[in-house]
PDB file of N, CA and C in Angstrom:
ATOM      1  N   MET A   1     -18.878  -2.749  -2.987  1.00  0.00           N
ATOM      2  CA  MET A   1     -17.797  -1.770  -2.975  1.00  0.00           C
ATOM      3  C   MET A   1     -17.598  -1.250  -1.549  1.00  0.00           C
ATOM      4  N   TYR A   2     -16.369  -1.064  -1.183  1.00  0.00           N
ATOM      5  CA  TYR A   2     -16.010  -0.537   0.117  1.00  0.00           C
ATOM      6  C   TYR A   2     -15.263   0.766  -0.125  1.00  0.00           C
ATOM      7  N   ILE A   3     -15.763   1.858   0.397  1.00  0.00           N
ATOM      8  CA  ILE A   3     -15.109   3.172   0.267  1.00  0.00           C
ATOM      9  C   ILE A   3     -13.961   3.234   1.293  1.00  0.00           C
ATOM     10  N   LEU A   4     -12.750   3.353   0.774  1.00  0.00           N
ATOM     11  CA  LEU A   4     -11.580   3.423   1.636  1.00  0.00           C
ATOM     12  C   LEU A   4     -11.380   4.842   2.155  1.00  0.00           C
ATOM     13  N   CYS A   5     -11.354   5.808   1.270  1.00  0.00           N
ATOM     14  CA  CYS A   5     -11.183   7.219   1.660  1.00  0.00           C
ATOM     15  C   CYS A   5     -11.362   8.089   0.417  1.00  0.00           C
ATOM     16  N   SER A   6     -11.400   9.372   0.657  1.00  0.00           N
ATOM     17  CA  SER A   6     -11.393  10.349  -0.428  1.00  0.00           C
ATOM     18  C   SER A   6     -10.009  10.380  -1.049  1.00  0.00           C
ATOM     19  N   LEU A   7      -9.927  10.588  -2.321  1.00  0.00           N
ATOM     20  CA  LEU A   7      -8.657  10.719  -2.994  1.00  0.00           C
ATOM     21  C   LEU A   7      -7.844  11.877  -2.406  1.00  0.00           C
ATOM     22  N   ASP A   8      -8.523  12.936  -1.960  1.00  0.00           N
ATOM     23  CA  ASP A   8      -7.869  14.079  -1.374  1.00  0.00           C
ATOM     24  C   ASP A   8      -7.322  13.815   0.022  1.00  0.00           C
ATOM     25  N   ALA A   9      -7.700  12.685   0.639  1.00  0.00           N
ATOM     26  CA  ALA A   9      -7.208  12.387   1.999  1.00  0.00           C
ATOM     27  C   ALA A   9      -5.728  11.954   2.000  1.00  0.00           C
ATOM     28  N   ILE A  10      -5.208  11.673   0.814  1.00  0.00           N
ATOM     29  CA  ILE A  10      -3.790  11.281   0.685  1.00  0.00           C
ATOM     30  C   ILE A  10      -3.082  12.395  -0.054  1.00  0.00           C
ATOM     31  N   GLU A  11      -2.092  12.983   0.603  1.00  0.00           N
ATOM     32  CA  GLU A  11      -1.332  14.056   0.004  1.00  0.00           C
ATOM     33  C   GLU A  11      -0.447  13.521  -1.133  1.00  0.00           C
ATOM     34  N   PRO A  12      -0.186  14.300  -2.168  1.00  0.00           N
ATOM     35  CA  PRO A  12       0.743  13.863  -3.226  1.00  0.00           C
ATOM     36  C   PRO A  12       2.134  13.541  -2.624  1.00  0.00           C
ATOM     37  N   ASN A  13       2.776  12.519  -3.179  1.00  0.00           N
ATOM     38  CA  ASN A  13       4.106  12.074  -2.749  1.00  0.00           C
ATOM     39  C   ASN A  13       4.115  11.671  -1.268  1.00  0.00           C
ATOM     40  N   SER A  14       3.070  11.003  -0.861  1.00  0.00           N
ATOM     41  CA  SER A  14       2.998  10.509   0.508  1.00  0.00           C
ATOM     42  C   SER A  14       2.325   9.142   0.540  1.00  0.00           C
ATOM     43  N   SER A  15       2.229   8.586   1.735  1.00  0.00           N
ATOM     44  CA  SER A  15       1.599   7.271   1.916  1.00  0.00           C
ATOM     45  C   SER A  15       0.662   7.295   3.114  1.00  0.00           C
ATOM     46  N   LYS A  16      -0.236   6.344   3.147  1.00  0.00           N
ATOM     47  CA  LYS A  16      -1.216   6.297   4.257  1.00  0.00           C
ATOM     48  C   LYS A  16      -1.633   4.838   4.442  1.00  0.00           C
ATOM     49  N   GLY A  17      -1.688   4.377   5.684  1.00  0.00           N
ATOM     50  CA  GLY A  17      -2.119   3.036   6.003  1.00  0.00           C
ATOM     51  C   GLY A  17      -3.561   2.995   6.381  1.00  0.00           C
ATOM     52  N   PHE A  18      -4.198   1.835   6.158  1.00  0.00           N
ATOM     53  CA  PHE A  18      -5.616   1.633   6.462  1.00  0.00           C
ATOM     54  C   PHE A  18      -5.864   0.225   6.981  1.00  0.00           C
ATOM     55  N   GLN A  19      -6.873   0.107   7.843  1.00  0.00           N
ATOM     56  CA  GLN A  19      -7.447  -1.195   8.152  1.00  0.00           C
ATOM     57  C   GLN A  19      -8.628  -1.323   7.255  1.00  0.00           C
ATOM     58  N   SER A  20      -8.772  -2.457   6.581  1.00  0.00           N
ATOM     59  CA  SER A  20      -9.857  -2.648   5.615  1.00  0.00           C
ATOM     60  C   SER A  20     -10.403  -4.074   5.750  1.00  0.00           C
ATOM     61  N   PRO A  21     -11.513  -4.377   5.112  1.00  0.00           N
ATOM     62  CA  PRO A  21     -12.014  -5.758   5.117  1.00  0.00           C
ATOM     63  C   PRO A  21     -11.014  -6.724   4.467  1.00  0.00           C
ATOM     64  N   LEU A  22     -10.033  -6.184   3.726  1.00  0.00           N
ATOM     65  CA  LEU A  22      -9.012  -7.023   3.129  1.00  0.00           C
ATOM     66  C   LEU A  22      -7.800  -7.174   4.069  1.00  0.00           C
ATOM     67  N   GLY A  23      -7.858  -6.615   5.263  1.00  0.00           N
ATOM     68  CA  GLY A  23      -6.729  -6.610   6.180  1.00  0.00           C
ATOM     69  C   GLY A  23      -5.991  -5.284   6.084  1.00  0.00           C
ATOM     70  N   PRO A  24      -4.802  -5.212   6.690  1.00  0.00           N
ATOM     71  CA  PRO A  24      -4.041  -3.944   6.618  1.00  0.00           C
ATOM     72  C   PRO A  24      -3.518  -3.701   5.200  1.00  0.00           C
ATOM     73  N   ILE A  25      -3.770  -2.514   4.688  1.00  0.00           N
ATOM     74  CA  ILE A  25      -3.323  -2.106   3.364  1.00  0.00           C
ATOM     75  C   ILE A  25      -2.740  -0.713   3.462  1.00  0.00           C
ATOM     76  N   PHE A  26      -2.073  -0.271   2.401  1.00  0.00           N
ATOM     77  CA  PHE A  26      -1.593   1.113   2.370  1.00  0.00           C
ATOM     78  C   PHE A  26      -1.665   1.654   0.954  1.00  0.00           C
ATOM     79  N   ALA A  27      -1.707   2.958   0.892  1.00  0.00           N
ATOM     80  CA  ALA A  27      -1.775   3.662  -0.406  1.00  0.00           C
ATOM     81  C   ALA A  27      -0.575   4.576  -0.508  1.00  0.00           C
ATOM     82  N   VAL A  28      -0.075   4.695  -1.709  1.00  0.00           N
ATOM     83  CA  VAL A  28       0.977   5.661  -2.021  1.00  0.00           C
ATOM     84  C   VAL A  28       0.436   6.542  -3.164  1.00  0.00           C
ATOM     85  N   LYS A  29       0.562   7.830  -2.999  1.00  0.00           N
ATOM     86  CA  LYS A  29       0.079   8.748  -4.026  1.00  0.00           C
ATOM     87  C   LYS A  29       1.283   9.472  -4.636  1.00  0.00           C
ATOM     88  N   LYS A  30       1.501   9.230  -5.925  1.00  0.00           N
ATOM     89  CA  LYS A  30       2.559   9.909  -6.695  1.00  0.00           C
ATOM     90  C   LYS A  30       1.867  10.842  -7.674  1.00  0.00           C
ATOM     91  N   LYS A  31       2.037  12.132  -7.491  1.00  0.00           N
ATOM     92  CA  LYS A  31       1.302  13.136  -8.234  1.00  0.00           C
ATOM     93  C   LYS A  31      -0.191  12.861  -8.057  1.00  0.00           C
ATOM     94  N   LYS A  32      -0.902  12.489  -9.124  1.00  0.00           N
ATOM     95  CA  LYS A  32      -2.337  12.208  -8.954  1.00  0.00           C
ATOM     96  C   LYS A  32      -2.656  10.727  -9.030  1.00  0.00           C
ATOM     97  N   LYS A  33      -1.661   9.858  -9.159  1.00  0.00           N
ATOM     98  CA  LYS A  33      -1.861   8.428  -9.306  1.00  0.00           C
ATOM     99  C   LYS A  33      -1.702   7.773  -7.943  1.00  0.00           C
ATOM    100  N   VAL A  34      -2.588   6.807  -7.648  1.00  0.00           N
ATOM    101  CA  VAL A  34      -2.598   6.082  -6.381  1.00  0.00           C
ATOM    102  C   VAL A  34      -2.233   4.621  -6.643  1.00  0.00           C
ATOM    103  N   PHE A  35      -1.405   4.061  -5.721  1.00  0.00           N
ATOM    104  CA  PHE A  35      -1.028   2.669  -5.750  1.00  0.00           C
ATOM    105  C   PHE A  35      -1.400   2.064  -4.417  1.00  0.00           C
ATOM    106  N   LEU A  36      -2.126   0.957  -4.431  1.00  0.00           N
ATOM    107  CA  LEU A  36      -2.534   0.275  -3.191  1.00  0.00           C
ATOM    108  C   LEU A  36      -1.895  -1.087  -3.083  1.00  0.00           C
ATOM    109  N   TYR A  37      -1.396  -1.432  -1.893  1.00  0.00           N
ATOM    110  CA  TYR A  37      -0.760  -2.698  -1.661  1.00  0.00           C
ATOM    111  C   TYR A  37      -1.173  -3.243  -0.286  1.00  0.00           C
ATOM    112  N   ALA A  38      -1.095  -4.560  -0.149  1.00  0.00           N
ATOM    113  CA  ALA A  38      -1.258  -5.189   1.167  1.00  0.00           C
ATOM    114  C   ALA A  38      -0.058  -4.737   2.028  1.00  0.00           C
ATOM    115  N   ASN A  39      -0.333  -4.433   3.285  1.00  0.00           N
ATOM    116  CA  ASN A  39       0.742  -3.988   4.196  1.00  0.00           C
ATOM    117  C   ASN A  39       1.417  -5.232   4.793  1.00  0.00           C
ATOM    118  N   GLU A  40       2.197  -5.883   3.933  1.00  0.00           N
ATOM    119  CA  GLU A  40       2.860  -7.116   4.340  1.00  0.00           C
ATOM    120  C   GLU A  40       4.159  -7.272   3.522  1.00  0.00           C
ATOM    121  N   CYS A  41       5.279  -7.262   4.203  1.00  0.00           N
ATOM    122  CA  CYS A  41       6.559  -7.475   3.528  1.00  0.00           C
ATOM    123  C   CYS A  41       6.673  -8.921   3.070  1.00  0.00           C
ATOM    124  N   PRO A  42       7.049  -9.190   1.811  1.00  0.00           N
ATOM    125  CA  PRO A  42       7.145 -10.532   1.363  1.00  0.00           C
ATOM    126  C   PRO A  42       8.308 -11.330   2.013  1.00  0.00           C
ATOM    127  N   HIS A  43       9.197 -10.627   2.705  1.00  0.00           N
ATOM    128  CA  HIS A  43      10.325 -11.280   3.368  1.00  0.00           C
ATOM    129  C   HIS A  43       9.855 -12.046   4.623  1.00  0.00           C
ATOM    130  N   MET A  44       9.187 -11.367   5.558  1.00  0.00           N
ATOM    131  CA  MET A  44       8.783 -12.022   6.806  1.00  0.00           C
ATOM    132  C   MET A  44       7.306 -11.928   7.105  1.00  0.00           C
ATOM    133  N   GLY A  45       6.531 -11.319   6.208  1.00  0.00           N
ATOM    134  CA  GLY A  45       5.088 -11.247   6.433  1.00  0.00           C
ATOM    135  C   GLY A  45       4.646 -10.198   7.457  1.00  0.00           C
ATOM    136  N   ILE A  46       5.542  -9.288   7.820  1.00  0.00           N
ATOM    137  CA  ILE A  46       5.217  -8.279   8.826  1.00  0.00           C
ATOM    138  C   ILE A  46       4.748  -6.976   8.142  1.00  0.00           C
ATOM    139  N   ASN A  47       4.094  -6.105   8.930  1.00  0.00           N
ATOM    140  CA  ASN A  47       3.737  -4.792   8.404  1.00  0.00           C
ATOM    141  C   ASN A  47       5.028  -4.035   8.033  1.00  0.00           C
ATOM    142  N   LEU A  48       4.918  -3.191   7.027  1.00  0.00           N
ATOM    143  CA  LEU A  48       6.097  -2.499   6.506  1.00  0.00           C
ATOM    144  C   LEU A  48       6.537  -1.289   7.360  1.00  0.00           C
ATOM    145  N   GLU A  49       5.618  -0.669   8.053  1.00  0.00           N
ATOM    146  CA  GLU A  49       5.947   0.587   8.753  1.00  0.00           C
ATOM    147  C   GLU A  49       6.112   0.404  10.255  1.00  0.00           C
ATOM    148  N   TRP A  50       6.947   1.268  10.848  1.00  0.00           N
ATOM    149  CA  TRP A  50       7.054   1.365  12.300  1.00  0.00           C
ATOM    150  C   TRP A  50       6.294   2.573  12.810  1.00  0.00           C
ATOM    151  N   VAL A  51       6.282   3.612  12.012  1.00  0.00           N
ATOM    152  CA  VAL A  51       5.568   4.850  12.302  1.00  0.00           C
ATOM    153  C   VAL A  51       4.317   4.865  11.432  1.00  0.00           C
ATOM    154  N   PRO A  52       3.136   5.186  12.008  1.00  0.00           N
ATOM    155  CA  PRO A  52       1.914   5.181  11.200  1.00  0.00           C
ATOM    156  C   PRO A  52       2.066   6.042   9.925  1.00  0.00           C
ATOM    157  N   ASP A  53       1.618   5.495   8.807  1.00  0.00           N
ATOM    158  CA  ASP A  53       1.569   6.168   7.535  1.00  0.00           C
ATOM    159  C   ASP A  53       2.923   6.441   6.900  1.00  0.00           C
ATOM    160  N   GLN A  54       4.004   5.882   7.430  1.00  0.00           N
ATOM    161  CA  GLN A  54       5.337   6.124   6.876  1.00  0.00           C
ATOM    162  C   GLN A  54       5.799   4.850   6.168  1.00  0.00           C
ATOM    163  N   PHE A  55       5.544   4.799   4.861  1.00  0.00           N
ATOM    164  CA  PHE A  55       5.892   3.625   4.044  1.00  0.00           C
ATOM    165  C   PHE A  55       6.982   3.956   3.039  1.00  0.00           C
ATOM    166  N   LEU A  56       7.330   5.221   2.880  1.00  0.00           N
ATOM    167  CA  LEU A  56       8.299   5.634   1.874  1.00  0.00           C
ATOM    168  C   LEU A  56       9.657   5.888   2.458  1.00  0.00           C
ATOM    169  N   ASP A  57      10.706   5.723   1.624  1.00  0.00           N
ATOM    170  CA  ASP A  57      12.055   6.067   2.070  1.00  0.00           C
ATOM    171  C   ASP A  57      12.175   7.590   2.153  1.00  0.00           C
ATOM    172  N   SER A  58      13.350   8.054   2.587  1.00  0.00           N
ATOM    173  CA  SER A  58      13.519   9.510   2.793  1.00  0.00           C
ATOM    174  C   SER A  58      13.396  10.319   1.503  1.00  0.00           C
ATOM    175  N   SER A  59      13.690   9.700   0.361  1.00  0.00           N
ATOM    176  CA  SER A  59      13.569  10.412  -0.906  1.00  0.00           C
ATOM    177  C   SER A  59      12.135  10.419  -1.449  1.00  0.00           C
ATOM    178  N   LYS A  60      11.263   9.608  -0.837  1.00  0.00           N
ATOM    179  CA  LYS A  60       9.874   9.447  -1.244  1.00  0.00           C
ATOM    180  C   LYS A  60       9.753   8.877  -2.662  1.00  0.00           C
ATOM    181  N   GLN A  61      10.781   8.136  -3.085  1.00  0.00           N
ATOM    182  CA  GLN A  61      10.795   7.519  -4.412  1.00  0.00           C
ATOM    183  C   GLN A  61      10.580   6.017  -4.341  1.00  0.00           C
ATOM    184  N   LEU A  62      10.735   5.433  -3.156  1.00  0.00           N
ATOM    185  CA  LEU A  62      10.593   3.983  -2.981  1.00  0.00           C
ATOM    186  C   LEU A  62       9.773   3.665  -1.746  1.00  0.00           C
ATOM    187  N   ILE A  63       9.120   2.548  -1.754  1.00  0.00           N
ATOM    188  CA  ILE A  63       8.477   1.997  -0.531  1.00  0.00           C
ATOM    189  C   ILE A  63       9.578   1.256   0.186  1.00  0.00           C
ATOM    190  N   GLN A  64       9.615   1.426   1.530  1.00  0.00           N
ATOM    191  CA  GLN A  64      10.691   0.806   2.291  1.00  0.00           C
ATOM    192  C   GLN A  64      10.140   0.089   3.522  1.00  0.00           C
ATOM    193  N   CYS A  65      10.591  -1.172   3.717  1.00  0.00           N
ATOM    194  CA  CYS A  65      10.232  -1.909   4.914  1.00  0.00           C
ATOM    195  C   CYS A  65      11.081  -1.417   6.083  1.00  0.00           C
ATOM    196  N   ALA A  66      10.472  -1.081   7.188  1.00  0.00           N
ATOM    197  CA  ALA A  66      11.172  -0.537   8.327  1.00  0.00           C
ATOM    198  C   ALA A  66      12.049  -1.577   9.020  1.00  0.00           C
ATOM    199  N   LEU A  67      11.766  -2.876   8.893  1.00  0.00           N
ATOM    200  CA  LEU A  67      12.539  -3.852   9.659  1.00  0.00           C
ATOM    201  C   LEU A  67      13.915  -4.130   9.054  1.00  0.00           C
ATOM    202  N   HIS A  68      13.975  -4.556   7.803  1.00  0.00           N
ATOM    203  CA  HIS A  68      15.259  -4.906   7.181  1.00  0.00           C
ATOM    204  C   HIS A  68      15.644  -4.006   6.031  1.00  0.00           C
ATOM    205  N   GLY A  69      14.895  -2.938   5.770  1.00  0.00           N
ATOM    206  CA  GLY A  69      15.271  -1.962   4.760  1.00  0.00           C
ATOM    207  C   GLY A  69      14.992  -2.380   3.325  1.00  0.00           C
ATOM    208  N   ALA A  70      14.213  -3.421   3.122  1.00  0.00           N
ATOM    209  CA  ALA A  70      13.883  -3.796   1.736  1.00  0.00           C
ATOM    210  C   ALA A  70      13.219  -2.612   1.043  1.00  0.00           C
ATOM    211  N   GLN A  71      13.524  -2.424  -0.223  1.00  0.00           N
ATOM    212  CA  GLN A  71      12.973  -1.280  -0.984  1.00  0.00           C
ATOM    213  C   GLN A  71      12.200  -1.815  -2.196  1.00  0.00           C
ATOM    214  N   PHE A  72      11.056  -1.174  -2.463  1.00  0.00           N
ATOM    215  CA  PHE A  72      10.138  -1.605  -3.502  1.00  0.00           C
ATOM    216  C   PHE A  72       9.809  -0.449  -4.422  1.00  0.00           C
ATOM    217  N   LEU A  73       9.630  -0.758  -5.705  1.00  0.00           N
ATOM    218  CA  LEU A  73       9.189   0.249  -6.670  1.00  0.00           C
ATOM    219  C   LEU A  73       7.741   0.610  -6.374  1.00  0.00           C
ATOM    220  N   ILE A  74       7.433   1.894  -6.394  1.00  0.00           N
ATOM    221  CA  ILE A  74       6.066   2.318  -6.100  1.00  0.00           C
ATOM    222  C   ILE A  74       5.094   1.824  -7.165  1.00  0.00           C
ATOM    223  N   LYS A  75       5.456   1.906  -8.438  1.00  0.00           N
ATOM    224  CA  LYS A  75       4.534   1.586  -9.518  1.00  0.00           C
ATOM    225  C   LYS A  75       4.200   0.111  -9.627  1.00  0.00           C
ATOM    226  N   THR A  76       5.139  -0.787  -9.253  1.00  0.00           N
ATOM    227  CA  THR A  76       4.915  -2.223  -9.448  1.00  0.00           C
ATOM    228  C   THR A  76       4.943  -3.023  -8.140  1.00  0.00           C
ATOM    229  N   GLY A  77       5.505  -2.466  -7.062  1.00  0.00           N
ATOM    230  CA  GLY A  77       5.648  -3.207  -5.837  1.00  0.00           C
ATOM    231  C   GLY A  77       6.814  -4.162  -5.828  1.00  0.00           C
ATOM    232  N   GLU A  78       7.608  -4.212  -6.908  1.00  0.00           N
ATOM    233  CA  GLU A  78       8.744  -5.129  -6.998  1.00  0.00           C
ATOM    234  C   GLU A  78       9.853  -4.735  -6.045  1.00  0.00           C
ATOM    235  N   CYS A  79      10.389  -5.713  -5.322  1.00  0.00           N
ATOM    236  CA  CYS A  79      11.506  -5.460  -4.413  1.00  0.00           C
ATOM    237  C   CYS A  79      12.790  -5.358  -5.251  1.00  0.00           C
ATOM    238  N   ILE A  80      13.499  -4.244  -5.124  1.00  0.00           N
ATOM    239  CA  ILE A  80      14.750  -4.053  -5.884  1.00  0.00           C
ATOM    240  C   ILE A  80      15.971  -4.072  -4.991  1.00  0.00           C
ATOM    241  N   TYR A  81      15.770  -4.095  -3.651  1.00  0.00           N
ATOM    242  CA  TYR A  81      16.891  -4.127  -2.736  1.00  0.00           C
ATOM    243  C   TYR A  81      16.441  -4.767  -1.431  1.00  0.00           C
ATOM    244  N   GLY A  82      17.305  -5.612  -0.872  1.00  0.00           N
ATOM    245  CA  GLY A  82      17.001  -6.195   0.423  1.00  0.00           C
ATOM    246  C   GLY A  82      16.793  -7.703   0.366  1.00  0.00           C
ATOM    247  N   PRO A  83      16.384  -8.273   1.491  1.00  0.00           N
ATOM    248  CA  PRO A  83      16.312  -9.749   1.589  1.00  0.00           C
ATOM    249  C   PRO A  83      15.230 -10.387   0.725  1.00  0.00           C
ATOM    250  N   CYS A  84      14.316  -9.632   0.221  1.00  0.00           N
ATOM    251  CA  CYS A  84      13.275 -10.251  -0.654  1.00  0.00           C
ATOM    252  C   CYS A  84      13.384  -9.766  -2.080  1.00  0.00           C
ATOM    253  N   LYS A  85      14.600  -9.387  -2.507  1.00  0.00           N
ATOM    254  CA  LYS A  85      14.802  -8.873  -3.868  1.00  0.00           C
ATOM    255  C   LYS A  85      14.244  -9.853  -4.900  1.00  0.00           C
ATOM    256  N   GLY A  86      13.482  -9.308  -5.841  1.00  0.00           N
ATOM    257  CA  GLY A  86      12.856 -10.117  -6.886  1.00  0.00           C
ATOM    258  C   GLY A  86      11.428 -10.499  -6.557  1.00  0.00           C
ATOM    259  N   LYS A  87      11.026 -10.406  -5.297  1.00  0.00           N
ATOM    260  CA  LYS A  87       9.618 -10.647  -4.925  1.00  0.00           C
ATOM    261  C   LYS A  87       8.895  -9.331  -5.021  1.00  0.00           C
ATOM    262  N   ALA A  88       7.603  -9.347  -4.732  1.00  0.00           N
ATOM    263  CA  ALA A  88       6.839  -8.097  -4.860  1.00  0.00           C
ATOM    264  C   ALA A  88       5.738  -8.005  -3.810  1.00  0.00           C
ATOM    265  N   LEU A  89       5.324  -6.773  -3.522  1.00  0.00           N
ATOM    266  CA  LEU A  89       4.183  -6.529  -2.678  1.00  0.00           C
ATOM    267  C   LEU A  89       2.919  -6.968  -3.417  1.00  0.00           C
ATOM    268  N   ARG A  90       1.871  -7.306  -2.661  1.00  0.00           N
ATOM    269  CA  ARG A  90       0.619  -7.741  -3.296  1.00  0.00           C
ATOM    270  C   ARG A  90      -0.236  -6.526  -3.563  1.00  0.00           C
ATOM    271  N   PRO A  91      -0.521  -6.251  -4.875  1.00  0.00           N
ATOM    272  CA  PRO A  91      -1.347  -5.096  -5.209  1.00  0.00           C
ATOM    273  C   PRO A  91      -2.792  -5.306  -4.811  1.00  0.00           C
ATOM    274  N   ILE A  92      -3.489  -4.227  -4.475  1.00  0.00           N
ATOM    275  CA  ILE A  92      -4.898  -4.268  -4.130  1.00  0.00           C
ATOM    276  C   ILE A  92      -5.678  -3.572  -5.237  1.00  0.00           C
ATOM    277  N   PRO A  93      -6.580  -4.277  -5.910  1.00  0.00           N
ATOM    278  CA  PRO A  93      -7.378  -3.643  -6.975  1.00  0.00           C
ATOM    279  C   PRO A  93      -8.353  -2.621  -6.379  1.00  0.00           C
ATOM    280  N   TYR A  94      -8.529  -1.552  -7.091  1.00  0.00           N
ATOM    281  CA  TYR A  94      -9.446  -0.482  -6.643  1.00  0.00           C
ATOM    282  C   TYR A  94      -9.942   0.270  -7.836  1.00  0.00           C
ATOM    283  N   GLU A  95     -10.903   1.147  -7.592  1.00  0.00           N
ATOM    284  CA  GLU A  95     -11.321   2.109  -8.594  1.00  0.00           C
ATOM    285  C   GLU A  95     -11.662   3.428  -7.891  1.00  0.00           C
ATOM    286  N   ILE A  96     -11.676   4.514  -8.671  1.00  0.00           N
ATOM    287  CA  ILE A  96     -12.049   5.823  -8.145  1.00  0.00           C
ATOM    288  C   ILE A  96     -13.492   6.066  -8.598  1.00  0.00           C
ATOM    289  N   ASN A  97     -14.398   6.319  -7.659  1.00  0.00           N
ATOM    290  CA  ASN A  97     -15.800   6.538  -8.068  1.00  0.00           C
ATOM    291  C   ASN A  97     -16.025   7.985  -8.485  1.00  0.00           C
ATOM    292  N   ASN A  98     -17.258   8.308  -8.824  1.00  0.00           N
ATOM    293  CA  ASN A  98     -17.618   9.649  -9.299  1.00  0.00           C
ATOM    294  C   ASN A  98     -17.453  10.746  -8.228  1.00  0.00           C
ATOM    295  N   ASN A  99     -17.352  10.336  -6.957  1.00  0.00           N
ATOM    296  CA  ASN A  99     -17.156  11.293  -5.854  1.00  0.00           C
ATOM    297  C   ASN A  99     -15.653  11.418  -5.498  1.00  0.00           C
ATOM    298  N   ASN A 100     -14.773  10.929  -6.340  1.00  0.00           N
ATOM    299  CA  ASN A 100     -13.335  10.957  -6.087  1.00  0.00           C
ATOM    300  C   ASN A 100     -12.954  10.192  -4.804  1.00  0.00           C
ATOM    301  N   GLU A 101     -13.585   9.036  -4.620  1.00  0.00           N
ATOM    302  CA  GLU A 101     -13.287   8.172  -3.465  1.00  0.00           C
ATOM    303  C   GLU A 101     -12.619   6.902  -3.977  1.00  0.00           C
ATOM    304  N   ILE A 102     -11.672   6.400  -3.205  1.00  0.00           N
ATOM    305  CA  ILE A 102     -11.008   5.148  -3.538  1.00  0.00           C
ATOM    306  C   ILE A 102     -11.905   4.030  -3.037  1.00  0.00           C
ATOM    307  N   CYS A 103     -12.290   3.124  -3.909  1.00  0.00           N
ATOM    308  CA  CYS A 103     -13.220   2.041  -3.568  1.00  0.00           C
ATOM    309  C   CYS A 103     -12.560   0.690  -3.829  1.00  0.00           C
ATOM    310  N   LEU A 104     -12.743  -0.217  -2.875  1.00  0.00           N
ATOM    311  CA  LEU A 104     -12.215  -1.578  -2.999  1.00  0.00           C
ATOM    312  C   LEU A 104     -13.356  -2.513  -3.407  1.00  0.00           C
ATOM    313  N   HIS A 105     -13.021  -3.526  -4.191  1.00  0.00           N
ATOM    314  CA  HIS A 105     -13.992  -4.554  -4.537  1.00  0.00           C
ATOM    315  C   HIS A 105     -13.858  -5.647  -3.474  1.00  0.00           C
ATOM    316  N   ILE A 106     -14.888  -5.811  -2.672  1.00  0.00           N
ATOM    317  CA  ILE A 106     -14.886  -6.789  -1.575  1.00  0.00           C
ATOM    318  C   ILE A 106     -15.829  -7.944  -1.940  1.00  0.00           C
ATOM    319  N   THR A 107     -15.294  -9.176  -1.862  1.00  0.00           N
ATOM    320  CA  THR A 107     -16.134 -10.339  -2.021  1.00  0.00           C
ATOM    321  C   THR A 107     -15.876 -11.241  -0.832  1.00  0.00           C
ATOM    322  N   THR A 108     -16.678 -12.275  -0.670  1.00  0.00           N
ATOM    323  CA  THR A 108     -16.487 -13.198   0.460  1.00  0.00           C
ATOM    324  C   THR A 108     -15.115 -13.887   0.327  1.00  0.00           C
ATOM    325  N   GLU A 109     -14.613 -14.032  -0.874  1.00  0.00           N
ATOM    326  CA  GLU A 109     -13.293 -14.675  -1.066  1.00  0.00           C
ATOM    327  C   GLU A 109     -12.139 -13.755  -0.664  1.00  0.00           C
ATOM    328  N   THR A 110     -12.305 -12.434  -0.811  1.00  0.00           N
ATOM    329  CA  THR A 110     -11.201 -11.521  -0.506  1.00  0.00           C
ATOM    330  C   THR A 110     -11.241 -10.995   0.908  1.00  0.00           C
ATOM    331  N   GLN A 111     -12.357 -11.128   1.601  1.00  0.00           N
ATOM    332  CA  GLN A 111     -12.486 -10.590   2.948  1.00  0.00           C
ATOM    333  C   GLN A 111     -11.616 -11.356   3.936  1.00  0.00           C
ATOM    334  N   VAL A 112     -11.023 -10.642   4.889  1.00  0.00           N
ATOM    335  CA  VAL A 112     -10.228 -11.234   5.943  1.00  0.00           C
ATOM    336  C   VAL A 112     -11.089 -11.474   7.153  1.00  0.00           C
ATOM    337  N   GLU A 113     -10.952 -12.638   7.765  1.00  0.00           N
ATOM    338  CA  GLU A 113     -11.716 -12.921   9.006  1.00  0.00           C
ATOM    339  C   GLU A 113     -11.213 -12.052  10.133  1.00  0.00           C
ATOM    340  N   ALA A 114     -12.126 -11.471  10.907  1.00  0.00           N
ATOM    341  CA  ALA A 114     -11.742 -10.578  12.005  1.00  0.00           C
ATOM    342  C   ALA A 114     -11.381 -11.381  13.229  1.00  0.00           C
TER     343      ALA A 114
END
């Protein structure tokens, strides 16, 4: 298990990027629910944000790629607008431990070479 951060480190209705053994990932917190995705747009394979920790559109209802404006549903990662419509962000499995920390399951197969 890899501890990513405390659940309280992410404000409700906000997003936060991380470097992890799985590569760059980001979290979105809607109310008390957290969604984790690989920080990679399915359109061109680039990171989604231009400004650190800014993955949401201005309404904070959708994830938005800063390059071409693709928009994704927070709950599923599905692209609903833009050049990769119909594709989806890659979800990152996690669990919340007894200390309210977000933990990733890391195996040799999932780890990214540095």
